[in-house]
Amino acid sequence: MYSNFKEQAIEYARQAVQEDNAGNYAKAFALYMNALEYFKTHLKYEKNPKIREAITQKFTEYLRRAEEIRAVLEGGGGGGGGGGGSGSSSGGDPAAASRPNARPKDGGEGGDDAEKEKLRAGLNSAIVREKPNVKWGDVAGLEGAKQALQEAVILPVKFPQFFTGKRRPWRAFLLYGPPGTGKSYLAKAVATEADSTFFSVSSSDLVSKWMGESEKLVSNLFQMARESAPSIIFIDEIDSLSGQRGEGNESEASRRIKTEILVQMQGVGSNDDKVLVLAATNTPYSLDQAIRRRFDKRIYIPLPDLKARQHMFKVHLGDTPHNLAESDFESLASRTGGFSGSDISVCVKDVLFEPVRKTQDAMFFMKTSNSMWMPCGPKQQGAVQITMQDLAADGQAAKIIPPPISRTDFDKVLARQRPTVSKADLEVHERFTKEFGEEG
């Protein structure tokens, strides 16, 4: 997993250097900061000392460059193309500019606009521009949650005449439950079905090392959402931003972020700006009480029931060739009580490779009606004693196909797989539902 952080950091750094060379300093700064955050996360997991040293060296270089650009932006540099702004007297080089004693207060397009552009450039990647293609029908079960979200997302846009007088759509949803139950998947369905601008953010998008910048990021996020209304802000793992206030390890920056979220959510709920806040958490008890109260609907996303599990097996198999009957899917659902949606997804992924493994190990193959080679048993009619490697050596590699998935493939995988959600985890979420939430 941590290799993804490094790859993302390298990509942000590449884009930052490109914008930097073009003289687009506001965009370059935001990209440098994103790269630094991902490099910092990767360093937490990297064990190889040589790789750590190389990354640390790059981190220092990018941090120094970001500081130089920050000095230009705070000095009123426009950050536009052609190396204009404060660095123009030095060939547009931010390194040649000195840090001013104070940010300019007049002429808003100097410091303030450049800073706003910088913050928005960082948040721009949070906008989901391509719909995820997850339909309501792909979400198994959770009828209550889907109905509530449709009331909040679909109806106000398609049928605004429904919401007159005191009838107002829900403006803030908290989806909570054990890991892997489909909270983020449900959010993707909302993004697909809603005719709205969808902002998908995590704590890394809103937390900055610079004093006072995190709350400005939160403020700019909500402002961008209001400008793009109707819009939806999805905050994944909101507990990492909005833990209980007053905890011993809480920093001043963390308190300011929570305060800004409270202020912005209060604004969203008190005027008809068509902005919906959708948040997800695996640990609802860790949420700050004031922020928890800001959510009109707190919906429990539980483990899938029998029918939902049966549907999930079918969805994850998709159009992959198989010979399972309806009774087989019913049996699989009954055997996987306690499995989360993620557990079932992992199970099916493993099963999908079973025919490939059979093909690799097969000693006998037979020709199908369309002249393709498929592994078979030694006593099967038309069986030829040959291996996959032999067929490939004869130039038949493109004509080898794996057998369809069978019930025994699932039996083999389920024999070694266990659910990942403990009974204790479930009890915590059920207790929270009785106190503060509602069933999804």
Protein backbone atom coordinates (compact mmCIF):
# COMPACT_ATOMS: atom_id res chain seq x y z
CA MET A 1 0.00 0.00 0.00
CA TYR A 2 2.76 2.46 0.94
CA SER A 3 4.22 2.27 -2.58
CA ASN A 4 1.08 4.10 -3.73
CA PHE A 5 2.04 7.05 -1.52
CA LYS A 6 5.47 7.23 -3.17
CA GLU A 7 4.02 7.01 -6.68
CA GLN A 8 1.48 9.72 -5.88
CA ALA A 9 4.22 11.91 -4.38
CA ILE A 10 6.41 11.52 -7.47
CA GLU A 11 3.49 12.41 -9.76
CA TYR A 12 2.66 15.55 -7.72
CA ALA A 13 6.36 16.53 -7.73
CA ARG A 14 6.56 16.07 -11.50
CA GLN A 15 3.53 18.32 -12.03
CA ALA A 16 4.92 20.86 -9.53
CA VAL A 17 8.24 21.14 -11.36
CA GLN A 18 6.38 21.53 -14.66
CA GLU A 19 4.22 24.38 -13.30
CA ASP A 20 7.25 25.89 -11.56
CA ASN A 21 9.24 26.01 -14.80
CA ALA A 22 6.24 27.59 -16.55
CA GLY A 23 6.11 30.33 -13.90
CA ASN A 24 2.73 29.23 -12.50
CA TYR A 25 3.91 29.55 -8.91
CA ALA A 26 0.54 29.33 -7.12
CA LYS A 27 -0.23 26.01 -8.78
CA ALA A 28 3.36 24.81 -8.31
CA PHE A 29 3.23 25.60 -4.58
CA ALA A 30 0.02 23.62 -4.04
CA LEU A 31 1.46 20.65 -5.96
CA TYR A 32 4.76 20.79 -4.03
CA MET A 33 2.80 20.70 -0.76
CA ASN A 34 0.78 17.70 -1.94
CA ALA A 35 4.01 15.92 -2.89
CA LEU A 36 5.52 16.66 0.52
CA GLU A 37 2.49 15.26 2.34
CA TYR A 38 2.64 12.00 0.38
CA PHE A 39 6.44 11.71 0.80
CA LYS A 40 6.00 12.25 4.54
CA THR A 41 3.37 9.49 4.74
CA HIS A 42 5.55 7.12 2.71
CA LEU A 43 8.50 7.69 5.06
CA LYS A 44 6.42 6.33 7.95
CA TYR A 45 6.32 2.91 6.26
CA GLU A 46 9.59 2.75 4.32
CA LYS A 47 12.12 0.43 6.02
CA ASN A 48 14.98 0.49 3.50
CA PRO A 49 17.55 3.03 4.83
CA LYS A 50 18.93 3.90 1.36
CA ILE A 51 15.45 4.63 -0.02
CA ARG A 52 14.60 6.62 3.12
CA GLU A 53 17.75 8.71 2.66
CA ALA A 54 16.97 9.38 -1.01
CA ILE A 55 13.37 10.37 -0.23
CA THR A 56 14.46 12.59 2.66
CA GLN A 57 16.91 14.39 0.35
CA LYS A 58 14.16 14.99 -2.24
CA PHE A 59 11.77 16.05 0.53
CA THR A 60 14.27 18.69 1.69
CA GLU A 61 14.79 19.98 -1.85
CA TYR A 62 11.06 20.31 -2.54
CA LEU A 63 10.42 21.88 0.87
CA ARG A 64 13.12 24.51 0.24
CA ARG A 65 11.66 25.28 -3.16
CA ALA A 66 8.13 25.51 -1.72
CA GLU A 67 9.42 27.99 0.91
CA GLU A 68 10.96 30.14 -1.83
CA ILE A 69 7.72 30.16 -3.84
CA ARG A 70 5.71 30.88 -0.69
CA ALA A 71 7.86 33.96 -0.10
CA VAL A 72 7.00 35.23 -3.58
CA LEU A 73 3.27 34.55 -3.17
CA GLU A 74 3.15 36.26 0.22
CA GLY A 75 5.00 39.19 -1.28
CA GLY A 76 2.20 39.70 -3.81
CA GLY A 77 3.58 37.65 -6.68
CA GLY A 78 0.84 36.74 -9.10
CA GLY A 79 2.18 33.29 -9.77
CA GLY A 80 1.06 33.61 -13.35
CA GLY A 81 2.81 32.45 -16.47
CA GLY A 82 5.91 34.12 -17.78
CA GLY A 83 7.55 34.47 -14.36
CA GLY A 84 5.69 37.68 -13.47
CA GLY A 85 4.96 39.09 -10.04
CA SER A 86 7.59 39.65 -7.35
CA GLY A 87 10.18 37.56 -9.11
CA SER A 88 10.09 39.50 -12.38
CA SER A 89 13.09 41.64 -11.49
CA SER A 90 15.15 38.45 -11.08
CA GLY A 91 14.12 36.71 -14.22
CA GLY A 92 10.94 35.38 -12.61
CA ASP A 93 12.95 33.26 -10.14
CA PRO A 94 11.22 32.93 -6.74
CA ALA A 95 14.57 32.05 -5.16
CA ALA A 96 15.75 35.60 -5.86
CA ALA A 97 12.86 37.19 -3.97
CA SER A 98 13.11 38.04 -0.28
CA ARG A 99 10.41 37.30 2.27
CA PRO A 100 8.42 40.46 3.15
CA ASN A 101 7.87 41.54 6.75
CA ALA A 102 4.10 41.52 6.38
CA ARG A 103 1.46 40.38 3.94
CA PRO A 104 -0.01 43.26 1.88
CA LYS A 105 -3.41 44.28 3.20
CA ASP A 106 -4.54 46.46 0.33
CA GLY A 107 -4.96 45.53 -3.30
CA GLY A 108 -6.60 42.14 -2.72
CA GLU A 109 -5.40 40.70 -6.00
CA GLY A 110 -1.85 40.86 -4.65
CA GLY A 111 -1.39 38.53 -1.68
CA ASP A 112 -4.92 37.39 -0.89
CA ASP A 113 -5.90 36.40 -4.41
CA ALA A 114 -2.63 34.55 -4.96
CA GLU A 115 -3.13 32.66 -1.70
CA LYS A 116 -6.72 31.85 -2.58
CA GLU A 117 -5.65 30.59 -5.99
CA LYS A 118 -2.97 28.47 -4.35
CA LEU A 119 -5.43 26.89 -1.90
CA ARG A 120 -8.02 26.24 -4.61
CA ALA A 121 -5.43 24.67 -6.88
CA GLY A 122 -4.75 22.13 -4.14
CA LEU A 123 -8.46 21.43 -3.68
CA ASN A 124 -9.16 21.20 -7.40
CA SER A 125 -8.08 17.55 -7.44
CA ALA A 126 -10.89 16.78 -4.96
CA ILE A 127 -13.54 17.43 -7.62
CA VAL A 128 -14.72 14.14 -9.14
CA ARG A 129 -14.99 15.08 -12.81
CA GLU A 130 -15.83 11.62 -14.14
CA LYS A 131 -18.77 9.78 -12.66
CA PRO A 132 -17.71 6.53 -10.93
CA ASN A 133 -20.41 4.46 -12.75
CA VAL A 134 -21.82 2.86 -9.57
CA LYS A 135 -25.61 2.63 -9.83
CA TRP A 136 -28.09 2.44 -6.95
CA GLY A 137 -28.83 -1.13 -8.04
CA ASP A 138 -25.16 -2.07 -7.55
CA VAL A 139 -25.46 -1.27 -3.85
CA ALA A 140 -26.82 -4.38 -2.17
CA GLY A 141 -29.37 -3.81 0.60
CA LEU A 142 -29.19 -0.54 2.58
CA GLU A 143 -32.65 0.47 1.38
CA GLY A 144 -33.13 3.00 4.19
CA ALA A 145 -29.83 4.73 3.47
CA LYS A 146 -30.49 4.82 -0.28
CA GLN A 147 -33.97 6.27 0.22
CA ALA A 148 -32.70 8.99 2.57
CA LEU A 149 -29.90 9.92 0.16
CA GLN A 150 -32.30 10.01 -2.78
CA GLU A 151 -34.53 12.39 -0.81
CA ALA A 152 -31.52 14.63 -0.19
CA VAL A 153 -29.72 14.40 -3.55
CA ILE A 154 -32.02 13.38 -6.39
CA LEU A 155 -35.44 14.82 -5.50
CA PRO A 156 -34.38 18.44 -4.79
CA VAL A 157 -32.69 18.69 -8.21
CA LYS A 158 -35.33 16.88 -10.29
CA PHE A 159 -38.42 17.98 -8.35
CA PRO A 160 -37.68 21.30 -6.63
CA GLN A 161 -41.42 21.98 -6.35
CA PHE A 162 -41.59 19.26 -3.65
CA PHE A 163 -39.52 21.38 -1.26
CA THR A 164 -41.64 24.41 -0.45
CA GLY A 165 -42.66 26.03 2.80
CA LYS A 166 -41.03 24.30 5.77
CA ARG A 167 -40.11 21.16 3.80
CA ARG A 168 -36.35 21.22 3.22
CA PRO A 169 -34.05 18.43 2.01
CA TRP A 170 -31.55 16.86 4.40
CA ARG A 171 -28.27 18.74 4.28
CA ALA A 172 -25.78 16.58 6.21
CA PHE A 173 -25.39 12.80 6.39
CA LEU A 174 -23.04 10.72 8.52
CA LEU A 175 -22.52 7.14 7.32
CA TYR A 176 -20.93 4.97 9.99
CA GLY A 177 -20.27 1.29 10.44
CA PRO A 178 -17.52 -1.35 10.46
CA PRO A 179 -14.79 -1.19 7.80
CA GLY A 180 -15.68 -2.67 4.42
CA THR A 181 -19.46 -2.36 4.65
CA GLY A 182 -19.81 -0.07 1.63
CA LYS A 183 -19.86 3.50 2.99
CA SER A 184 -17.49 4.84 0.33
CA TYR A 185 -19.21 2.64 -2.29
CA LEU A 186 -22.54 4.25 -1.40
CA ALA A 187 -20.92 7.68 -1.81
CA LYS A 188 -19.77 6.65 -5.30
CA ALA A 189 -23.37 5.74 -6.14
CA VAL A 190 -24.44 9.20 -4.97
CA ALA A 191 -21.76 10.75 -7.21
CA THR A 192 -22.98 8.70 -10.17
CA GLU A 193 -26.69 9.33 -9.72
CA ALA A 194 -26.61 12.97 -8.63
CA ASP A 195 -26.57 15.76 -11.16
CA SER A 196 -24.26 17.73 -8.87
CA THR A 197 -20.61 18.71 -8.52
CA PHE A 198 -19.01 16.05 -6.30
CA PHE A 199 -16.07 16.92 -4.02
CA SER A 200 -14.35 13.88 -2.50
CA VAL A 201 -11.84 14.82 0.19
CA SER A 202 -9.83 13.13 2.93
CA SER A 203 -7.87 14.53 5.84
CA SER A 204 -4.70 14.79 3.73
CA ASP A 205 -6.49 17.25 1.41
CA LEU A 206 -7.41 19.56 4.28
CA VAL A 207 -4.43 19.38 6.63
CA SER A 208 -1.44 21.64 6.00
CA LYS A 209 1.78 22.14 7.93
CA TRP A 210 1.45 25.93 7.54
CA MET A 211 -0.06 27.85 10.43
CA GLY A 212 -3.64 28.88 9.68
CA GLU A 213 -3.77 27.23 6.25
CA SER A 214 -5.83 24.15 7.16
CA GLU A 215 -8.88 26.15 8.23
CA LYS A 216 -8.53 28.26 5.06
CA LEU A 217 -8.57 25.04 3.03
CA VAL A 218 -11.82 24.02 4.77
CA SER A 219 -13.32 27.45 4.17
CA ASN A 220 -12.30 27.43 0.49
CA LEU A 221 -13.69 23.92 0.03
CA PHE A 222 -17.14 24.99 1.22
CA GLN A 223 -16.95 28.22 -0.77
CA MET A 224 -16.09 26.28 -3.94
CA ALA A 225 -19.01 23.93 -3.23
CA ARG A 226 -21.41 26.87 -2.86
CA GLU A 227 -20.17 28.40 -6.10
CA SER A 228 -20.70 25.05 -7.89
CA ALA A 229 -24.11 24.31 -6.32
CA PRO A 230 -25.88 21.97 -6.44
CA SER A 231 -22.91 20.14 -5.00
CA ILE A 232 -21.92 17.38 -2.58
CA ILE A 233 -18.91 17.32 -0.26
CA PHE A 234 -17.88 13.78 0.71
CA ILE A 235 -15.40 13.62 3.61
CA ASP A 236 -14.00 10.13 4.11
CA GLU A 237 -12.70 9.15 7.58
CA ILE A 238 -14.02 12.38 9.08
CA ASP A 239 -12.96 11.20 12.55
CA SER A 240 -9.33 11.97 11.62
CA LEU A 241 -10.33 15.65 11.29
CA SER A 242 -13.00 15.93 13.95
CA GLY A 243 -12.02 13.91 16.99
CA GLN A 244 -13.18 14.76 20.49
CA ARG A 245 -12.08 18.19 21.64
CA GLY A 246 -10.09 18.41 24.84
CA GLU A 247 -8.13 15.19 24.25
CA GLY A 248 -4.58 15.28 25.59
CA ASN A 249 -2.92 14.87 22.21
CA GLU A 250 -5.09 17.44 20.43
CA SER A 251 -3.11 20.23 18.78
CA GLU A 252 -4.09 23.85 18.31
CA ALA A 253 -4.26 23.29 14.55
CA SER A 254 -6.67 20.39 15.06
CA ARG A 255 -8.95 22.57 17.22
CA ARG A 256 -8.99 25.29 14.57
CA ILE A 257 -9.91 22.82 11.81
CA LYS A 258 -12.82 21.48 13.87
CA THR A 259 -14.03 24.98 14.64
CA GLU A 260 -13.95 25.89 10.94
CA ILE A 261 -15.85 22.72 9.98
CA LEU A 262 -18.48 23.55 12.59
CA VAL A 263 -18.83 27.11 11.29
CA GLN A 264 -19.07 26.01 7.66
CA MET A 265 -21.54 23.20 8.34
CA GLN A 266 -23.71 25.58 10.30
CA GLY A 267 -23.73 27.87 7.26
CA VAL A 268 -24.62 25.00 4.94
CA GLY A 269 -27.55 23.99 7.08
CA SER A 270 -29.02 27.44 7.66
CA ASN A 271 -29.46 28.65 4.09
CA ASP A 272 -30.72 27.13 0.88
CA ASP A 273 -27.39 26.86 -0.92
CA LYS A 274 -27.93 23.32 -2.22
CA VAL A 275 -24.77 21.91 -0.68
CA LEU A 276 -24.93 18.44 0.86
CA VAL A 277 -22.26 17.23 3.29
CA LEU A 278 -21.74 13.47 3.24
CA ALA A 279 -19.22 11.96 5.66
CA ALA A 280 -18.09 8.46 6.54
CA THR A 281 -16.39 7.00 9.61
CA ASN A 282 -15.54 3.61 11.09
CA THR A 283 -15.29 5.07 14.61
CA PRO A 284 -18.37 7.24 15.29
CA TYR A 285 -17.70 7.52 19.04
CA SER A 286 -14.45 9.37 18.33
CA LEU A 287 -16.33 12.21 16.61
CA ASP A 288 -16.61 15.54 18.38
CA GLN A 289 -20.12 15.87 19.86
CA ALA A 290 -20.78 19.28 18.30
CA ILE A 291 -19.85 18.01 14.83
CA ARG A 292 -21.92 14.87 15.33
CA ARG A 293 -24.96 17.07 16.05
CA ARG A 294 -24.41 18.95 12.77
CA PHE A 295 -25.41 15.82 10.83
CA ASP A 296 -29.18 15.71 10.31
CA LYS A 297 -29.07 11.99 9.53
CA ARG A 298 -26.69 9.50 11.14
CA ILE A 299 -27.13 6.23 9.30
CA TYR A 300 -25.68 2.89 10.35
CA ILE A 301 -24.22 0.91 7.44
CA PRO A 302 -24.22 -2.64 8.87
CA LEU A 303 -22.81 -5.90 7.61
CA PRO A 304 -24.79 -7.17 4.59
CA ASP A 305 -27.73 -9.48 5.29
CA LEU A 306 -28.42 -12.79 3.53
CA LYS A 307 -30.04 -11.31 0.41
CA ALA A 308 -27.41 -8.58 0.13
CA ARG A 309 -24.58 -11.13 0.30
CA GLN A 310 -26.25 -13.22 -2.40
CA HIS A 311 -26.51 -10.12 -4.61
CA MET A 312 -22.85 -9.20 -3.93
CA PHE A 313 -21.59 -12.58 -5.11
CA LYS A 314 -23.45 -12.10 -8.39
CA VAL A 315 -22.27 -8.49 -8.84
CA HIS A 316 -18.62 -9.32 -8.19
CA LEU A 317 -18.70 -12.33 -10.53
CA GLY A 318 -20.23 -10.17 -13.23
CA ASP A 319 -20.07 -11.73 -16.68
CA THR A 320 -17.17 -14.10 -15.83
CA PRO A 321 -18.08 -17.59 -17.13
CA HIS A 322 -19.38 -19.82 -14.33
CA ASN A 323 -21.70 -22.77 -13.83
CA LEU A 324 -23.28 -21.75 -10.51
CA ALA A 325 -27.04 -22.11 -10.10
CA GLU A 326 -29.28 -19.87 -7.99
CA SER A 327 -29.17 -22.46 -5.21
CA ASP A 328 -25.37 -22.18 -5.16
CA PHE A 329 -25.54 -18.40 -4.62
CA GLU A 330 -28.06 -18.97 -1.80
CA SER A 331 -25.69 -21.48 -0.20
CA LEU A 332 -22.73 -19.11 -0.47
CA ALA A 333 -24.73 -16.33 1.16
CA SER A 334 -25.77 -18.58 4.04
CA ARG A 335 -22.16 -19.68 4.63
CA THR A 336 -20.76 -16.15 4.80
CA GLY A 337 -22.64 -14.71 7.75
CA GLY A 338 -20.50 -12.01 9.40
CA PHE A 339 -18.68 -11.19 6.16
CA SER A 340 -18.48 -7.55 5.12
CA GLY A 341 -18.93 -6.40 1.55
CA SER A 342 -15.15 -6.02 1.36
CA ASP A 343 -14.65 -9.61 2.60
CA ILE A 344 -16.96 -10.92 -0.13
CA SER A 345 -15.15 -8.83 -2.75
CA VAL A 346 -11.80 -10.29 -1.67
CA CYS A 347 -13.28 -13.79 -1.69
CA VAL A 348 -14.58 -13.46 -5.25
CA LYS A 349 -11.29 -11.94 -6.44
CA ASP A 350 -9.50 -15.00 -5.10
CA VAL A 351 -12.03 -17.31 -6.72
CA LEU A 352 -11.57 -15.58 -10.09
CA PHE A 353 -7.97 -16.80 -10.12
CA GLU A 354 -8.81 -20.44 -9.34
CA PRO A 355 -9.50 -21.34 -13.03
CA VAL A 356 -6.18 -19.70 -13.96
CA ARG A 357 -4.38 -21.81 -11.36
CA LYS A 358 -6.10 -24.93 -12.68
CA THR A 359 -4.99 -24.08 -16.20
CA GLN A 360 -1.38 -23.58 -15.10
CA ASP A 361 -1.29 -26.94 -13.28
CA ALA A 362 -3.31 -28.96 -15.82
CA MET A 363 -1.75 -32.03 -17.48
CA PHE A 364 -4.66 -32.66 -19.88
CA PHE A 365 -6.46 -30.31 -22.27
CA MET A 366 -9.38 -30.71 -24.65
CA LYS A 367 -10.55 -28.68 -27.64
CA THR A 368 -13.86 -26.85 -27.25
CA SER A 369 -16.44 -26.37 -30.01
CA ASN A 370 -14.82 -23.10 -31.04
CA SER A 371 -11.33 -24.70 -31.30
CA MET A 372 -10.03 -23.32 -27.98
CA TRP A 373 -7.96 -25.39 -25.55
CA MET A 374 -9.42 -25.86 -22.06
CA PRO A 375 -8.01 -27.94 -19.16
CA CYS A 376 -9.87 -31.18 -18.40
CA GLY A 377 -9.58 -34.52 -16.59
CA PRO A 378 -7.64 -37.47 -18.06
CA LYS A 379 -10.82 -39.52 -18.65
CA GLN A 380 -12.75 -36.77 -20.40
CA GLN A 381 -13.59 -37.42 -24.04
CA GLY A 382 -11.07 -35.76 -26.35
CA ALA A 383 -8.50 -35.27 -23.57
CA VAL A 384 -4.92 -34.73 -24.78
CA GLN A 385 -1.96 -35.12 -22.43
CA ILE A 386 -0.19 -31.78 -22.76
CA THR A 387 0.65 -28.78 -20.56
CA MET A 388 -0.01 -25.07 -20.92
CA GLN A 389 3.71 -24.48 -21.52
CA ASP A 390 3.72 -27.08 -24.33
CA LEU A 391 0.75 -25.44 -26.02
CA ALA A 392 2.38 -22.02 -25.71
CA ALA A 393 5.59 -23.37 -27.23
CA ASP A 394 3.54 -24.63 -30.20
CA GLY A 395 2.16 -21.14 -30.78
CA GLN A 396 -1.24 -21.98 -29.23
CA ALA A 397 -1.04 -19.55 -26.28
CA ALA A 398 -3.81 -17.30 -27.60
CA LYS A 399 -6.15 -20.30 -27.89
CA ILE A 400 -5.93 -21.40 -24.23
CA ILE A 401 -8.91 -20.46 -22.03
CA PRO A 402 -9.51 -21.25 -18.34
CA PRO A 403 -12.53 -23.34 -17.33
CA PRO A 404 -15.68 -21.65 -15.96
CA ILE A 405 -15.84 -20.95 -12.25
CA SER A 406 -17.46 -23.75 -10.28
CA ARG A 407 -18.92 -24.23 -6.81
CA THR A 408 -15.78 -26.16 -5.76
CA ASP A 409 -13.68 -23.05 -6.47
CA PHE A 410 -15.69 -21.14 -3.87
CA ASP A 411 -15.48 -24.07 -1.43
CA LYS A 412 -11.69 -24.03 -1.71
CA VAL A 413 -11.39 -20.28 -1.07
CA LEU A 414 -13.98 -20.11 1.73
CA ALA A 415 -12.17 -22.92 3.57
CA ARG A 416 -9.27 -20.51 4.20
CA GLN A 417 -11.04 -17.15 4.52
CA ARG A 418 -12.41 -15.61 7.70
CA PRO A 419 -14.48 -12.45 8.31
CA THR A 420 -12.49 -9.35 9.26
CA VAL A 421 -15.08 -7.62 11.47
CA SER A 422 -15.06 -8.74 15.11
CA LYS A 423 -18.08 -9.13 17.36
CA ALA A 424 -16.73 -6.36 19.60
CA ASP A 425 -16.66 -3.94 16.64
CA LEU A 426 -20.28 -4.73 15.84
CA GLU A 427 -21.38 -4.20 19.45
CA VAL A 428 -19.79 -0.72 19.47
CA HIS A 429 -21.66 0.35 16.33
CA GLU A 430 -24.96 -1.17 17.49
CA ARG A 431 -24.67 0.69 20.79
CA PHE A 432 -23.99 3.97 18.95
CA THR A 433 -27.04 3.34 16.75
CA LYS A 434 -29.28 2.94 19.81
CA GLU A 435 -27.95 6.19 21.28
CA PHE A 436 -27.52 8.49 18.28
CA GLY A 437 -28.20 6.84 14.92
CA GLU A 438 -30.68 4.98 12.79
CA GLU A 439 -30.60 1.77 10.78
CA GLY A 440 -29.61 2.00 7.11
